[in-house]
Every structure is written in C-alpha cells, then in structure tokens.
Amino acid sequence: KGMGGGPQNMNAMIRQAQKMQEDIALLQEDLD
C-alpha cells in the first residue's frame, strides 16, 4: 500500500517535481 498508487500518485510526484524545478530556478536567480 502506498507504492504505485496509480495516476493520483503519479500526478502528485509530477507536481512535486515541478515545484522543485520552480524552486531551483528561483534559487539560481538569487545565486546569480
């Protein structure tokens, strides 16, 4: 249970990855 999880879990992982990508872009802008 909790592994795999179907489309909902995949969507959550995609959202989390997108959020991290946005955070990295903001941090890189600050660092630059």
PDB file of all heavy atoms in Angstrom:
ATOM      1  N   LYS A   1       0.845  -1.192   0.000  1.00  0.00           N
ATOM      2  CA  LYS A   1       0.000   0.000   0.000  1.00  0.00           C
ATOM      3  C   LYS A   1       0.886   1.250   0.000  1.00  0.00           C
ATOM      4  O   LYS A   1       1.869   1.323   0.721  1.00  0.00           O
ATOM      5  CB  LYS A   1      -0.896  -0.012   1.221  1.00  0.00           C
ATOM      6  CG  LYS A   1      -2.076   0.908   1.077  1.00  0.00           C
ATOM      7  CD  LYS A   1      -3.152   0.511   2.065  1.00  0.00           C
ATOM      8  CE  LYS A   1      -4.402   1.274   1.813  1.00  0.00           C
ATOM      9  NZ  LYS A   1      -5.381   0.576   1.081  1.00  0.00           N
ATOM     10  N   GLY A   2       0.530   2.217  -0.783  1.00  0.00           N
ATOM     11  CA  GLY A   2       1.305   3.457  -0.868  1.00  0.00           C
ATOM     12  C   GLY A   2       2.361   3.412  -1.952  1.00  0.00           C
ATOM     13  O   GLY A   2       2.959   4.419  -2.281  1.00  0.00           O
ATOM     14  N   MET A   3       2.628   2.246  -2.504  1.00  0.00           N
ATOM     15  CA  MET A   3       3.584   2.123  -3.599  1.00  0.00           C
ATOM     16  C   MET A   3       2.777   2.051  -4.888  1.00  0.00           C
ATOM     17  O   MET A   3       1.763   1.392  -4.951  1.00  0.00           O
ATOM     18  CB  MET A   3       4.426   0.855  -3.456  1.00  0.00           C
ATOM     19  CG  MET A   3       5.221   0.799  -2.162  1.00  0.00           C
ATOM     20  SD  MET A   3       6.471   2.058  -2.069  1.00  0.00           S
ATOM     21  CE  MET A   3       7.761   1.281  -2.980  1.00  0.00           C
ATOM     22  N   GLY A   4       3.249   2.671  -5.904  1.00  0.00           N
ATOM     23  CA  GLY A   4       2.494   2.668  -7.160  1.00  0.00           C
ATOM     24  C   GLY A   4       1.404   3.711  -7.079  1.00  0.00           C
ATOM     25  O   GLY A   4       1.597   4.851  -7.417  1.00  0.00           O
ATOM     26  N   GLY A   5       0.271   3.351  -6.604  1.00  0.00           N
ATOM     27  CA  GLY A   5      -0.797   4.295  -6.315  1.00  0.00           C
ATOM     28  C   GLY A   5      -1.552   4.803  -7.512  1.00  0.00           C
ATOM     29  O   GLY A   5      -2.480   5.587  -7.358  1.00  0.00           O
ATOM     30  N   GLY A   6      -1.191   4.426  -8.688  1.00  0.00           N
ATOM     31  CA  GLY A   6      -1.946   4.837  -9.856  1.00  0.00           C
ATOM     32  C   GLY A   6      -1.705   6.276 -10.242  1.00  0.00           C
ATOM     33  O   GLY A   6      -0.738   6.910  -9.854  1.00  0.00           O
ATOM     34  N   PRO A   7      -2.646   6.822 -11.036  1.00  0.00           N
ATOM     35  CA  PRO A   7      -2.481   8.165 -11.609  1.00  0.00           C
ATOM     36  C   PRO A   7      -2.414   9.272 -10.563  1.00  0.00           C
ATOM     37  O   PRO A   7      -1.717  10.254 -10.761  1.00  0.00           O
ATOM     38  CB  PRO A   7      -3.707   8.344 -12.504  1.00  0.00           C
ATOM     39  CG  PRO A   7      -4.414   7.047 -12.542  1.00  0.00           C
ATOM     40  CD  PRO A   7      -3.834   6.147 -11.510  1.00  0.00           C
ATOM     41  N   GLN A   8      -3.130   9.117  -9.461  1.00  0.00           N
ATOM     42  CA  GLN A   8      -3.099  10.183  -8.443  1.00  0.00           C
ATOM     43  C   GLN A   8      -1.702  10.341  -7.863  1.00  0.00           C
ATOM     44  O   GLN A   8      -1.225  11.452  -7.685  1.00  0.00           O
ATOM     45  CB  GLN A   8      -4.099   9.889  -7.327  1.00  0.00           C
ATOM     46  CG  GLN A   8      -5.536  10.058  -7.756  1.00  0.00           C
ATOM     47  CD  GLN A   8      -6.497   9.693  -6.652  1.00  0.00           C
ATOM     48  OE1 GLN A   8      -6.205   8.851  -5.821  1.00  0.00           O
ATOM     49  NE2 GLN A   8      -7.649  10.335  -6.665  1.00  0.00           N
ATOM     50  N   ASN A   9      -1.062   9.215  -7.563  1.00  0.00           N
ATOM     51  CA  ASN A   9       0.284   9.264  -7.011  1.00  0.00           C
ATOM     52  C   ASN A   9       1.262   9.823  -8.050  1.00  0.00           C
ATOM     53  O   ASN A   9       2.146  10.599  -7.714  1.00  0.00           O
ATOM     54  CB  ASN A   9       0.714   7.878  -6.541  1.00  0.00           C
ATOM     55  CG  ASN A   9       1.923   7.943  -5.627  1.00  0.00           C
ATOM     56  OD1 ASN A   9       2.208   8.976  -5.037  1.00  0.00           O
ATOM     57  ND2 ASN A   9       2.621   6.845  -5.508  1.00  0.00           N
ATOM     58  N   MET A  10       1.101   9.448  -9.298  1.00  0.00           N
ATOM     59  CA  MET A  10       1.974   9.941 -10.370  1.00  0.00           C
ATOM     60  C   MET A  10       1.791  11.450 -10.534  1.00  0.00           C
ATOM     61  O   MET A  10       2.766  12.185 -10.680  1.00  0.00           O
ATOM     62  CB  MET A  10       1.673   9.216 -11.688  1.00  0.00           C
ATOM     63  CG  MET A  10       2.580   9.658 -12.816  1.00  0.00           C
ATOM     64  SD  MET A  10       4.322   9.399 -12.480  1.00  0.00           S
ATOM     65  CE  MET A  10       4.501   7.737 -13.034  1.00  0.00           C
ATOM     66  N   ASN A  11       0.557  11.924 -10.494  1.00  0.00           N
ATOM     67  CA  ASN A  11       0.298  13.366 -10.603  1.00  0.00           C
ATOM     68  C   ASN A  11       0.932  14.122  -9.443  1.00  0.00           C
ATOM     69  O   ASN A  11       1.479  15.208  -9.623  1.00  0.00           O
ATOM     70  CB  ASN A  11      -1.204  13.639 -10.670  1.00  0.00           C
ATOM     71  CG  ASN A  11      -1.804  13.242 -11.995  1.00  0.00           C
ATOM     72  OD1 ASN A  11      -1.107  13.129 -12.996  1.00  0.00           O
ATOM     73  ND2 ASN A  11      -3.114  12.998 -12.013  1.00  0.00           N
ATOM     74  N   ALA A  12       0.854  13.555  -8.244  1.00  0.00           N
ATOM     75  CA  ALA A  12       1.460  14.195  -7.080  1.00  0.00           C
ATOM     76  C   ALA A  12       2.979  14.271  -7.243  1.00  0.00           C
ATOM     77  O   ALA A  12       3.587  15.291  -6.914  1.00  0.00           O
ATOM     78  CB  ALA A  12       1.097  13.443  -5.806  1.00  0.00           C
ATOM     79  N   MET A  13       3.567  13.210  -7.761  1.00  0.00           N
ATOM     80  CA  MET A  13       5.018  13.215  -7.984  1.00  0.00           C
ATOM     81  C   MET A  13       5.406  14.243  -9.038  1.00  0.00           C
ATOM     82  O   MET A  13       6.410  14.940  -8.895  1.00  0.00           O
ATOM     83  CB  MET A  13       5.495  11.826  -8.407  1.00  0.00           C
ATOM     84  CG  MET A  13       5.512  10.825  -7.274  1.00  0.00           C
ATOM     85  SD  MET A  13       5.932   9.129  -7.766  1.00  0.00           S
ATOM     86  CE  MET A  13       7.291   9.334  -8.862  1.00  0.00           C
ATOM     87  N   ILE A  14       4.609  14.353 -10.085  1.00  0.00           N
ATOM     88  CA  ILE A  14       4.884  15.337 -11.142  1.00  0.00           C
ATOM     89  C   ILE A  14       4.774  16.752 -10.577  1.00  0.00           C
ATOM     90  O   ILE A  14       5.624  17.603 -10.851  1.00  0.00           O
ATOM     91  CB  ILE A  14       3.946  15.121 -12.345  1.00  0.00           C
ATOM     92  CG1 ILE A  14       4.325  13.825 -13.064  1.00  0.00           C
ATOM     93  CG2 ILE A  14       3.996  16.311 -13.302  1.00  0.00           C
ATOM     94  CD1 ILE A  14       3.344  13.394 -14.136  1.00  0.00           C
ATOM     95  N   ARG A  15       3.733  17.005  -9.779  1.00  0.00           N
ATOM     96  CA  ARG A  15       3.575  18.333  -9.161  1.00  0.00           C
ATOM     97  C   ARG A  15       4.762  18.656  -8.252  1.00  0.00           C
ATOM     98  O   ARG A  15       5.270  19.773  -8.237  1.00  0.00           O
ATOM     99  CB  ARG A  15       2.261  18.420  -8.385  1.00  0.00           C
ATOM    100  CG  ARG A  15       1.044  18.657  -9.266  1.00  0.00           C
ATOM    101  CD  ARG A  15      -0.185  19.057  -8.449  1.00  0.00           C
ATOM    102  NE  ARG A  15      -0.549  18.074  -7.436  1.00  0.00           N
ATOM    103  CZ  ARG A  15      -1.281  16.979  -7.647  1.00  0.00           C
ATOM    104  NH1 ARG A  15      -1.740  16.731  -8.860  1.00  0.00           N
ATOM    105  NH2 ARG A  15      -1.565  16.145  -6.667  1.00  0.00           N
ATOM    106  N   GLN A  16       5.187  17.654  -7.489  1.00  0.00           N
ATOM    107  CA  GLN A  16       6.320  17.852  -6.586  1.00  0.00           C
ATOM    108  C   GLN A  16       7.593  18.159  -7.385  1.00  0.00           C
ATOM    109  O   GLN A  16       8.356  19.050  -7.016  1.00  0.00           O
ATOM    110  CB  GLN A  16       6.517  16.609  -5.719  1.00  0.00           C
ATOM    111  CG  GLN A  16       7.580  16.780  -4.663  1.00  0.00           C
ATOM    112  CD  GLN A  16       7.701  15.536  -3.782  1.00  0.00           C
ATOM    113  OE1 GLN A  16       7.116  14.498  -4.045  1.00  0.00           O
ATOM    114  NE2 GLN A  16       8.485  15.665  -2.733  1.00  0.00           N
ATOM    115  N   ALA A  17       7.798  17.442  -8.472  1.00  0.00           N
ATOM    116  CA  ALA A  17       8.978  17.693  -9.315  1.00  0.00           C
ATOM    117  C   ALA A  17       8.915  19.081  -9.947  1.00  0.00           C
ATOM    118  O   ALA A  17       9.924  19.786 -10.015  1.00  0.00           O
ATOM    119  CB  ALA A  17       9.084  16.619 -10.397  1.00  0.00           C
ATOM    120  N   GLN A  18       7.732  19.497 -10.392  1.00  0.00           N
ATOM    121  CA  GLN A  18       7.573  20.829 -10.980  1.00  0.00           C
ATOM    122  C   GLN A  18       7.836  21.911  -9.940  1.00  0.00           C
ATOM    123  O   GLN A  18       8.481  22.921 -10.230  1.00  0.00           O
ATOM    124  CB  GLN A  18       6.179  20.988 -11.576  1.00  0.00           C
ATOM    125  CG  GLN A  18       5.981  20.192 -12.847  1.00  0.00           C
ATOM    126  CD  GLN A  18       4.531  20.172 -13.323  1.00  0.00           C
ATOM    127  OE1 GLN A  18       3.591  20.320 -12.542  1.00  0.00           O
ATOM    128  NE2 GLN A  18       4.351  19.953 -14.619  1.00  0.00           N
ATOM    129  N   LYS A  19       7.369  21.698  -8.712  1.00  0.00           N
ATOM    130  CA  LYS A  19       7.583  22.667  -7.634  1.00  0.00           C
ATOM    131  C   LYS A  19       9.085  22.774  -7.348  1.00  0.00           C
ATOM    132  O   LYS A  19       9.616  23.879  -7.197  1.00  0.00           O
ATOM    133  CB  LYS A  19       6.824  22.222  -6.371  1.00  0.00           C
ATOM    134  CG  LYS A  19       7.153  23.003  -5.119  1.00  0.00           C
ATOM    135  CD  LYS A  19       6.462  24.340  -5.093  1.00  0.00           C
ATOM    136  CE  LYS A  19       6.564  24.998  -3.738  1.00  0.00           C
ATOM    137  NZ  LYS A  19       7.593  25.999  -3.625  1.00  0.00           N
ATOM    138  N   MET A  20       9.761  21.625  -7.291  1.00  0.00           N
ATOM    139  CA  MET A  20      11.199  21.647  -7.040  1.00  0.00           C
ATOM    140  C   MET A  20      11.918  22.365  -8.172  1.00  0.00           C
ATOM    141  O   MET A  20      12.846  23.143  -7.941  1.00  0.00           O
ATOM    142  CB  MET A  20      11.754  20.235  -6.869  1.00  0.00           C
ATOM    143  CG  MET A  20      13.236  20.233  -6.506  1.00  0.00           C
ATOM    144  SD  MET A  20      13.924  18.597  -6.243  1.00  0.00           S
ATOM    145  CE  MET A  20      13.286  18.246  -4.613  1.00  0.00           C
ATOM    146  N   GLN A  21      11.496  22.143  -9.399  1.00  0.00           N
ATOM    147  CA  GLN A  21      12.110  22.802 -10.548  1.00  0.00           C
ATOM    148  C   GLN A  21      11.921  24.320 -10.450  1.00  0.00           C
ATOM    149  O   GLN A  21      12.854  25.087 -10.713  1.00  0.00           O
ATOM    150  CB  GLN A  21      11.495  22.254 -11.829  1.00  0.00           C
ATOM    151  CG  GLN A  21      12.308  22.520 -13.059  1.00  0.00           C
ATOM    152  CD  GLN A  21      11.797  21.729 -14.254  1.00  0.00           C
ATOM    153  OE1 GLN A  21      10.661  21.267 -14.280  1.00  0.00           O
ATOM    154  NE2 GLN A  21      12.642  21.568 -15.251  1.00  0.00           N
ATOM    155  N   GLU A  22      10.737  24.765 -10.049  1.00  0.00           N
ATOM    156  CA  GLU A  22      10.484  26.199  -9.865  1.00  0.00           C
ATOM    157  C   GLU A  22      11.350  26.759  -8.743  1.00  0.00           C
ATOM    158  O   GLU A  22      11.921  27.847  -8.875  1.00  0.00           O
ATOM    159  CB  GLU A  22       9.006  26.436  -9.559  1.00  0.00           C
ATOM    160  CG  GLU A  22       8.084  26.183 -10.731  1.00  0.00           C
ATOM    161  CD  GLU A  22       6.607  26.165 -10.329  1.00  0.00           C
ATOM    162  OE1 GLU A  22       6.279  26.473  -9.155  1.00  0.00           O
ATOM    163  OE2 GLU A  22       5.774  25.830 -11.195  1.00  0.00           O
ATOM    164  N   ASP A  23      11.451  26.018  -7.635  1.00  0.00           N
ATOM    165  CA  ASP A  23      12.277  26.467  -6.514  1.00  0.00           C
ATOM    166  C   ASP A  23      13.741  26.573  -6.923  1.00  0.00           C
ATOM    167  O   ASP A  23      14.436  27.512  -6.540  1.00  0.00           O
ATOM    168  CB  ASP A  23      12.140  25.510  -5.321  1.00  0.00           C
ATOM    169  CG  ASP A  23      10.763  25.568  -4.672  1.00  0.00           C
ATOM    170  OD1 ASP A  23       9.989  26.511  -4.970  1.00  0.00           O
ATOM    171  OD2 ASP A  23      10.453  24.658  -3.872  1.00  0.00           O
ATOM    172  N   ILE A  24      14.213  25.616  -7.708  1.00  0.00           N
ATOM    173  CA  ILE A  24      15.598  25.639  -8.175  1.00  0.00           C
ATOM    174  C   ILE A  24      15.833  26.853  -9.077  1.00  0.00           C
ATOM    175  O   ILE A  24      16.851  27.530  -8.973  1.00  0.00           O
ATOM    176  CB  ILE A  24      15.958  24.326  -8.890  1.00  0.00           C
ATOM    177  CG1 ILE A  24      16.084  23.197  -7.863  1.00  0.00           C
ATOM    178  CG2 ILE A  24      17.239  24.463  -9.709  1.00  0.00           C
ATOM    179  CD1 ILE A  24      16.238  21.819  -8.461  1.00  0.00           C
ATOM    180  N   ALA A  25      14.888  27.147  -9.950  1.00  0.00           N
ATOM    181  CA  ALA A  25      15.026  28.302 -10.847  1.00  0.00           C
ATOM    182  C   ALA A  25      15.087  29.605 -10.044  1.00  0.00           C
ATOM    183  O   ALA A  25      15.909  30.484 -10.331  1.00  0.00           O
ATOM    184  CB  ALA A  25      13.876  28.342 -11.850  1.00  0.00           C
ATOM    185  N   LEU A  26      14.236  29.714  -9.014  1.00  0.00           N
ATOM    186  CA  LEU A  26      14.259  30.921  -8.171  1.00  0.00           C
ATOM    187  C   LEU A  26      15.575  31.028  -7.402  1.00  0.00           C
ATOM    188  O   LEU A  26      16.150  32.114  -7.299  1.00  0.00           O
ATOM    189  CB  LEU A  26      13.077  30.911  -7.195  1.00  0.00           C
ATOM    190  CG  LEU A  26      11.709  31.167  -7.800  1.00  0.00           C
ATOM    191  CD1 LEU A  26      10.606  30.946  -6.761  1.00  0.00           C
ATOM    192  CD2 LEU A  26      11.630  32.581  -8.362  1.00  0.00           C
ATOM    193  N   LEU A  27      16.035  29.908  -6.863  1.00  0.00           N
ATOM    194  CA  LEU A  27      17.301  29.920  -6.136  1.00  0.00           C
ATOM    195  C   LEU A  27      18.444  30.286  -7.065  1.00  0.00           C
ATOM    196  O   LEU A  27      19.307  31.093  -6.717  1.00  0.00           O
ATOM    197  CB  LEU A  27      17.557  28.560  -5.471  1.00  0.00           C
ATOM    198  CG  LEU A  27      18.895  28.433  -4.741  1.00  0.00           C
ATOM    199  CD1 LEU A  27      19.032  29.485  -3.639  1.00  0.00           C
ATOM    200  CD2 LEU A  27      19.053  27.032  -4.171  1.00  0.00           C
ATOM    201  N   GLN A  28      18.462  29.722  -8.277  1.00  0.00           N
ATOM    202  CA  GLN A  28      19.529  30.031  -9.222  1.00  0.00           C
ATOM    203  C   GLN A  28      19.541  31.515  -9.569  1.00  0.00           C
ATOM    204  O   GLN A  28      20.601  32.132  -9.664  1.00  0.00           O
ATOM    205  CB  GLN A  28      19.406  29.186 -10.498  1.00  0.00           C
ATOM    206  CG  GLN A  28      20.600  29.310 -11.405  1.00  0.00           C
ATOM    207  CD  GLN A  28      21.877  28.818 -10.741  1.00  0.00           C
ATOM    208  OE1 GLN A  28      21.956  27.685 -10.317  1.00  0.00           O
ATOM    209  NE2 GLN A  28      22.875  29.675 -10.643  1.00  0.00           N
ATOM    210  N   GLU A  29      18.365  32.088  -9.702  1.00  0.00           N
ATOM    211  CA  GLU A  29      18.262  33.531  -9.973  1.00  0.00           C
ATOM    212  C   GLU A  29      18.863  34.329  -8.820  1.00  0.00           C
ATOM    213  O   GLU A  29      19.608  35.287  -9.030  1.00  0.00           O
ATOM    214  CB  GLU A  29      16.783  33.889 -10.176  1.00  0.00           C
ATOM    215  CG  GLU A  29      16.538  35.250 -10.752  1.00  0.00           C
ATOM    216  CD  GLU A  29      15.064  35.474 -11.032  1.00  0.00           C
ATOM    217  OE1 GLU A  29      14.453  34.643 -11.738  1.00  0.00           O
ATOM    218  OE2 GLU A  29      14.525  36.477 -10.514  1.00  0.00           O
ATOM    219  N   ASP A  30      18.544  33.928  -7.587  1.00  0.00           N
ATOM    220  CA  ASP A  30      19.095  34.591  -6.399  1.00  0.00           C
ATOM    221  C   ASP A  30      20.613  34.425  -6.343  1.00  0.00           C
ATOM    222  O   ASP A  30      21.341  35.385  -6.095  1.00  0.00           O
ATOM    223  CB  ASP A  30      18.447  34.019  -5.134  1.00  0.00           C
ATOM    224  CG  ASP A  30      19.082  34.567  -3.867  1.00  0.00           C
ATOM    225  OD1 ASP A  30      19.160  35.808  -3.714  1.00  0.00           O
ATOM    226  OD2 ASP A  30      19.514  33.750  -3.025  1.00  0.00           O
ATOM    227  N   LEU A  31      21.087  33.204  -6.581  1.00  0.00           N
ATOM    228  CA  LEU A  31      22.525  32.948  -6.533  1.00  0.00           C
ATOM    229  C   LEU A  31      23.268  33.751  -7.594  1.00  0.00           C
ATOM    230  O   LEU A  31      24.356  34.280  -7.340  1.00  0.00           O
ATOM    231  CB  LEU A  31      22.806  31.452  -6.711  1.00  0.00           C
ATOM    232  CG  LEU A  31      22.373  30.550  -5.564  1.00  0.00           C
ATOM    233  CD1 LEU A  31      22.503  29.084  -5.966  1.00  0.00           C
ATOM    234  CD2 LEU A  31      23.153  30.833  -4.298  1.00  0.00           C
ATOM    235  N   ASP A  32      22.694  33.859  -8.790  1.00  0.00           N
ATOM    236  CA  ASP A  32      23.330  34.621  -9.870  1.00  0.00           C
ATOM    237  C   ASP A  32      23.457  36.104  -9.516  1.00  0.00           C
ATOM    238  O   ASP A  32      24.404  36.766  -9.937  1.00  0.00           O
ATOM    239  CB  ASP A  32      22.543  34.474 -11.172  1.00  0.00           C
ATOM    240  CG  ASP A  32      22.688  33.103 -11.803  1.00  0.00           C
ATOM    241  OD1 ASP A  32      23.555  32.316 -11.357  1.00  0.00           O
ATOM    242  OD2 ASP A  32      21.917  32.807 -12.741  1.00  0.00           O
TER     243      ASP A  32
END
